[in-house]
Amino acid sequence: MISLLVLGALVFAGLMVFGVLAAIAGLVGFVITLPFRILGWTFKLLGLLIALPFLLIAGVLTFGFALVPLAPLALIAWLAWWVFHDRKPHRSQASVIS
């Protein structure tokens, strides 16, 4: 019975050593590949900077074409505002001569 307990402790210790070695190997691998990851991020950023004007143009065109059917409604709303807008100054805005 004691031998099974000792065997379990040895297996647990072996797994702990294996886990620490695996963690160290992962950390070393991450440190080795980090410059290449940073280089990849740099190329992605450069690609984004090159594509950004085209994306902006496409977005403006798409948004502009989407707003074309709303132009008559905007014109009607502006006309309604122009007709019904109060042009007289309010009492709080009127100058008081003393």
N, C-alpha and C. Protein backbone atom coordinates (compact mmCIF):
# COMPACT_ATOMS: atom_id res chain seq x y z
N MET A 1 0.81 -1.18 0.00
CA MET A 1 0.00 0.00 0.00
C MET A 1 0.87 1.26 0.00
N ILE A 2 1.93 1.25 0.79
CA ILE A 2 2.85 2.39 0.83
C ILE A 2 3.55 2.53 -0.51
N SER A 3 3.83 1.41 -1.16
CA SER A 3 4.53 1.47 -2.44
C SER A 3 3.68 2.18 -3.49
N LEU A 4 2.35 1.99 -3.45
CA LEU A 4 1.49 2.70 -4.39
C LEU A 4 1.49 4.20 -4.10
N LEU A 5 1.55 4.57 -2.84
CA LEU A 5 1.61 5.98 -2.48
C LEU A 5 2.92 6.61 -2.94
N VAL A 6 4.01 5.89 -2.76
CA VAL A 6 5.32 6.38 -3.22
C VAL A 6 5.34 6.46 -4.73
N LEU A 7 4.80 5.45 -5.40
CA LEU A 7 4.74 5.45 -6.87
C LEU A 7 3.90 6.62 -7.37
N GLY A 8 2.79 6.90 -6.72
CA GLY A 8 1.95 8.04 -7.10
C GLY A 8 2.69 9.36 -6.91
N ALA A 9 3.43 9.49 -5.81
CA ALA A 9 4.19 10.71 -5.57
C ALA A 9 5.28 10.88 -6.62
N LEU A 10 5.95 9.77 -7.00
CA LEU A 10 6.99 9.85 -8.03
C LEU A 10 6.40 10.23 -9.39
N VAL A 11 5.25 9.67 -9.72
CA VAL A 11 4.59 10.01 -10.99
C VAL A 11 4.19 11.48 -10.99
N PHE A 12 3.64 11.95 -9.84
CA PHE A 12 3.26 13.35 -9.73
C PHE A 12 4.47 14.27 -9.88
N ALA A 13 5.57 13.92 -9.23
CA ALA A 13 6.80 14.71 -9.34
C ALA A 13 7.32 14.71 -10.77
N GLY A 14 7.26 13.54 -11.43
CA GLY A 14 7.69 13.46 -12.83
C GLY A 14 6.82 14.33 -13.74
N LEU A 15 5.51 14.33 -13.49
CA LEU A 15 4.62 15.18 -14.28
C LEU A 15 4.89 16.66 -14.03
N MET A 16 5.20 17.00 -12.78
CA MET A 16 5.54 18.39 -12.47
C MET A 16 6.80 18.82 -13.21
N VAL A 17 7.83 17.96 -13.22
CA VAL A 17 9.08 18.27 -13.93
C VAL A 17 8.81 18.40 -15.42
N PHE A 18 8.01 17.49 -15.97
CA PHE A 18 7.67 17.55 -17.39
C PHE A 18 6.90 18.84 -17.70
N GLY A 19 5.98 19.24 -16.83
CA GLY A 19 5.22 20.47 -17.04
C GLY A 19 6.10 21.70 -17.00
N VAL A 20 7.04 21.74 -16.07
CA VAL A 20 7.95 22.89 -16.00
C VAL A 20 8.84 22.94 -17.24
N LEU A 21 9.35 21.79 -17.67
CA LEU A 21 10.17 21.76 -18.89
C LEU A 21 9.37 22.18 -20.12
N ALA A 22 8.11 21.76 -20.20
CA ALA A 22 7.26 22.16 -21.33
C ALA A 22 7.00 23.66 -21.30
N ALA A 23 6.78 24.22 -20.10
CA ALA A 23 6.56 25.67 -19.99
C ALA A 23 7.81 26.44 -20.40
N ILE A 24 8.98 25.97 -19.98
CA ILE A 24 10.22 26.64 -20.37
C ILE A 24 10.43 26.55 -21.87
N ALA A 25 10.15 25.38 -22.45
CA ALA A 25 10.30 25.23 -23.90
C ALA A 25 9.33 26.15 -24.64
N GLY A 26 8.11 26.29 -24.13
CA GLY A 26 7.15 27.21 -24.76
C GLY A 26 7.60 28.65 -24.67
N LEU A 27 8.15 29.03 -23.53
CA LEU A 27 8.64 30.40 -23.37
C LEU A 27 9.82 30.67 -24.29
N VAL A 28 10.74 29.72 -24.39
CA VAL A 28 11.88 29.89 -25.29
C VAL A 28 11.41 29.96 -26.74
N GLY A 29 10.46 29.13 -27.10
CA GLY A 29 9.92 29.18 -28.47
C GLY A 29 9.24 30.51 -28.76
N PHE A 30 8.51 31.02 -27.77
CA PHE A 30 7.86 32.32 -27.95
C PHE A 30 8.89 33.43 -28.14
N VAL A 31 9.95 33.41 -27.33
CA VAL A 31 10.99 34.44 -27.44
C VAL A 31 11.72 34.34 -28.77
N ILE A 32 11.93 33.13 -29.25
CA ILE A 32 12.62 32.96 -30.54
C ILE A 32 11.74 33.45 -31.69
N THR A 33 10.44 33.20 -31.64
CA THR A 33 9.56 33.58 -32.75
C THR A 33 9.04 35.02 -32.63
N LEU A 34 9.28 35.70 -31.52
CA LEU A 34 8.74 37.05 -31.33
C LEU A 34 9.19 38.05 -32.40
N PRO A 35 10.47 38.08 -32.81
CA PRO A 35 10.83 39.04 -33.87
C PRO A 35 10.08 38.79 -35.18
N PHE A 36 9.84 37.53 -35.50
CA PHE A 36 9.11 37.22 -36.73
C PHE A 36 7.64 37.62 -36.62
N ARG A 37 7.08 37.50 -35.42
CA ARG A 37 5.70 37.95 -35.21
C ARG A 37 5.62 39.46 -35.36
N ILE A 38 6.57 40.16 -34.78
CA ILE A 38 6.58 41.63 -34.89
C ILE A 38 6.76 42.04 -36.35
N LEU A 39 7.60 41.34 -37.09
CA LEU A 39 7.76 41.62 -38.51
C LEU A 39 6.45 41.37 -39.27
N GLY A 40 5.74 40.31 -38.91
CA GLY A 40 4.44 40.04 -39.53
C GLY A 40 3.44 41.14 -39.22
N TRP A 41 3.41 41.61 -37.97
CA TRP A 41 2.51 42.72 -37.62
C TRP A 41 2.86 43.97 -38.39
N THR A 42 4.16 44.20 -38.62
CA THR A 42 4.60 45.38 -39.37
C THR A 42 4.12 45.30 -40.81
N PHE A 43 4.24 44.12 -41.42
CA PHE A 43 3.77 43.97 -42.81
C PHE A 43 2.26 44.12 -42.90
N LYS A 44 1.54 43.61 -41.91
CA LYS A 44 0.09 43.78 -41.91
C LYS A 44 -0.29 45.25 -41.78
N LEU A 45 0.42 45.98 -40.92
CA LEU A 45 0.16 47.41 -40.76
C LEU A 45 0.48 48.17 -42.04
N LEU A 46 1.58 47.80 -42.70
CA LEU A 46 1.93 48.44 -43.96
C LEU A 46 0.86 48.16 -45.02
N GLY A 47 0.38 46.92 -45.07
CA GLY A 47 -0.70 46.60 -46.00
C GLY A 47 -1.97 47.37 -45.71
N LEU A 48 -2.28 47.54 -44.43
CA LEU A 48 -3.46 48.33 -44.06
C LEU A 48 -3.30 49.77 -44.47
N LEU A 49 -2.10 50.34 -44.27
CA LEU A 49 -1.87 51.73 -44.66
C LEU A 49 -1.96 51.92 -46.17
N ILE A 50 -1.54 50.91 -46.92
CA ILE A 50 -1.65 51.01 -48.38
C ILE A 50 -3.11 50.87 -48.81
N ALA A 51 -3.87 50.00 -48.16
CA ALA A 51 -5.25 49.74 -48.56
C ALA A 51 -6.23 50.76 -47.99
N LEU A 52 -5.84 51.52 -46.97
CA LEU A 52 -6.76 52.42 -46.29
C LEU A 52 -7.41 53.46 -47.21
N PRO A 53 -6.67 54.11 -48.11
CA PRO A 53 -7.35 55.07 -49.00
C PRO A 53 -8.41 54.41 -49.88
N PHE A 54 -8.12 53.22 -50.37
CA PHE A 54 -9.10 52.52 -51.20
C PHE A 54 -10.32 52.11 -50.39
N LEU A 55 -10.10 51.70 -49.14
CA LEU A 55 -11.22 51.33 -48.28
C LEU A 55 -12.08 52.56 -47.96
N LEU A 56 -11.44 53.69 -47.73
CA LEU A 56 -12.19 54.92 -47.46
C LEU A 56 -13.00 55.35 -48.68
N ILE A 57 -12.40 55.27 -49.86
CA ILE A 57 -13.13 55.63 -51.08
C ILE A 57 -14.31 54.70 -51.28
N ALA A 58 -14.10 53.41 -51.10
CA ALA A 58 -15.20 52.46 -51.26
C ALA A 58 -16.29 52.71 -50.23
N GLY A 59 -15.91 53.04 -49.00
CA GLY A 59 -16.91 53.31 -47.98
C GLY A 59 -17.71 54.57 -48.27
N VAL A 60 -17.03 55.61 -48.73
CA VAL A 60 -17.73 56.86 -49.05
C VAL A 60 -18.67 56.64 -50.23
N LEU A 61 -18.22 55.92 -51.26
CA LEU A 61 -19.09 55.66 -52.40
C LEU A 61 -20.29 54.81 -52.00
N THR A 62 -20.05 53.79 -51.21
CA THR A 62 -21.16 52.92 -50.78
C THR A 62 -22.14 53.69 -49.93
N PHE A 63 -21.64 54.47 -48.98
CA PHE A 63 -22.52 55.25 -48.12
C PHE A 63 -23.25 56.32 -48.92
N GLY A 64 -22.54 56.93 -49.89
CA GLY A 64 -23.16 57.96 -50.71
C GLY A 64 -24.27 57.39 -51.58
N PHE A 65 -24.03 56.23 -52.19
CA PHE A 65 -25.07 55.62 -53.00
C PHE A 65 -26.23 55.13 -52.15
N ALA A 66 -25.96 54.79 -50.91
CA ALA A 66 -27.04 54.36 -50.03
C ALA A 66 -27.91 55.54 -49.63
N LEU A 67 -27.35 56.76 -49.60
CA LEU A 67 -28.11 57.93 -49.21
C LEU A 67 -28.87 58.58 -50.37
N VAL A 68 -28.60 58.18 -51.61
CA VAL A 68 -29.27 58.80 -52.76
C VAL A 68 -30.79 58.65 -52.68
N PRO A 69 -31.35 57.50 -52.31
CA PRO A 69 -32.81 57.42 -52.22
C PRO A 69 -33.39 58.29 -51.11
N LEU A 70 -32.58 58.70 -50.13
CA LEU A 70 -33.08 59.52 -49.04
C LEU A 70 -33.02 61.02 -49.36
N ALA A 71 -32.45 61.39 -50.49
CA ALA A 71 -32.32 62.80 -50.84
C ALA A 71 -33.67 63.51 -50.93
N PRO A 72 -34.70 62.95 -51.55
CA PRO A 72 -35.99 63.66 -51.57
C PRO A 72 -36.57 63.86 -50.17
N LEU A 73 -36.40 62.89 -49.30
CA LEU A 73 -36.89 63.05 -47.93
C LEU A 73 -36.13 64.15 -47.20
N ALA A 74 -34.84 64.23 -47.43
CA ALA A 74 -34.05 65.29 -46.80
C ALA A 74 -34.48 66.65 -47.33
N LEU A 75 -34.78 66.74 -48.63
CA LEU A 75 -35.24 68.00 -49.21
C LEU A 75 -36.59 68.42 -48.61
N ILE A 76 -37.49 67.48 -48.46
CA ILE A 76 -38.80 67.77 -47.87
C ILE A 76 -38.63 68.22 -46.42
N ALA A 77 -37.76 67.56 -45.67
CA ALA A 77 -37.53 67.95 -44.27
C ALA A 77 -36.93 69.34 -44.19
N TRP A 78 -36.00 69.67 -45.07
CA TRP A 78 -35.40 71.00 -45.06
C TRP A 78 -36.43 72.06 -45.41
N LEU A 79 -37.27 71.77 -46.41
CA LEU A 79 -38.32 72.73 -46.77
C LEU A 79 -39.29 72.94 -45.62
N ALA A 80 -39.68 71.87 -44.94
CA ALA A 80 -40.58 72.00 -43.80
C ALA A 80 -39.94 72.82 -42.69
N TRP A 81 -38.69 72.62 -42.43
CA TRP A 81 -37.99 73.41 -41.41
C TRP A 81 -37.94 74.88 -41.83
N TRP A 82 -37.66 75.13 -43.09
CA TRP A 82 -37.55 76.50 -43.59
C TRP A 82 -38.88 77.23 -43.48
N VAL A 83 -39.99 76.52 -43.77
CA VAL A 83 -41.30 77.15 -43.73
C VAL A 83 -41.74 77.40 -42.29
N PHE A 84 -41.55 76.43 -41.43
CA PHE A 84 -42.09 76.52 -40.08
C PHE A 84 -41.12 77.05 -39.04
N HIS A 85 -39.92 77.40 -39.44
CA HIS A 85 -38.94 77.90 -38.48
C HIS A 85 -39.31 79.31 -38.03
N ASP A 86 -39.25 79.55 -36.73
CA ASP A 86 -39.59 80.85 -36.16
C ASP A 86 -38.38 81.78 -36.32
N ARG A 87 -38.57 82.85 -37.10
CA ARG A 87 -37.46 83.75 -37.36
C ARG A 87 -37.43 84.94 -36.40
N LYS A 88 -38.47 85.10 -35.59
CA LYS A 88 -38.50 86.21 -34.65
C LYS A 88 -37.63 85.88 -33.45
N PRO A 89 -36.90 86.85 -32.94
CA PRO A 89 -36.11 86.58 -31.74
C PRO A 89 -37.02 86.38 -30.54
N HIS A 90 -36.66 85.50 -29.69
CA HIS A 90 -37.42 85.22 -28.48
C HIS A 90 -37.18 86.35 -27.47
N ARG A 91 -38.02 86.38 -26.45
CA ARG A 91 -37.90 87.42 -25.45
C ARG A 91 -36.53 87.39 -24.75
N SER A 92 -36.02 86.20 -24.57
CA SER A 92 -34.73 86.09 -23.90
C SER A 92 -33.59 86.60 -24.80
N GLN A 93 -33.82 86.64 -26.10
CA GLN A 93 -32.80 87.09 -27.03
C GLN A 93 -32.98 88.56 -27.42
N ALA A 94 -34.13 89.14 -27.14
CA ALA A 94 -34.39 90.52 -27.52
C ALA A 94 -33.58 91.46 -26.64
N SER A 95 -33.09 92.51 -27.25
CA SER A 95 -32.30 93.48 -26.47
C SER A 95 -33.25 94.41 -25.73
N VAL A 96 -32.96 94.62 -24.49
CA VAL A 96 -33.79 95.48 -23.65
C VAL A 96 -33.12 96.85 -23.56
N ILE A 97 -33.85 97.88 -23.97
CA ILE A 97 -33.30 99.23 -23.91
C ILE A 97 -33.79 99.89 -22.63
N SER A 98 -32.87 100.30 -21.78
CA SER A 98 -33.25 100.92 -20.51
C SER A 98 -33.03 102.40 -20.57
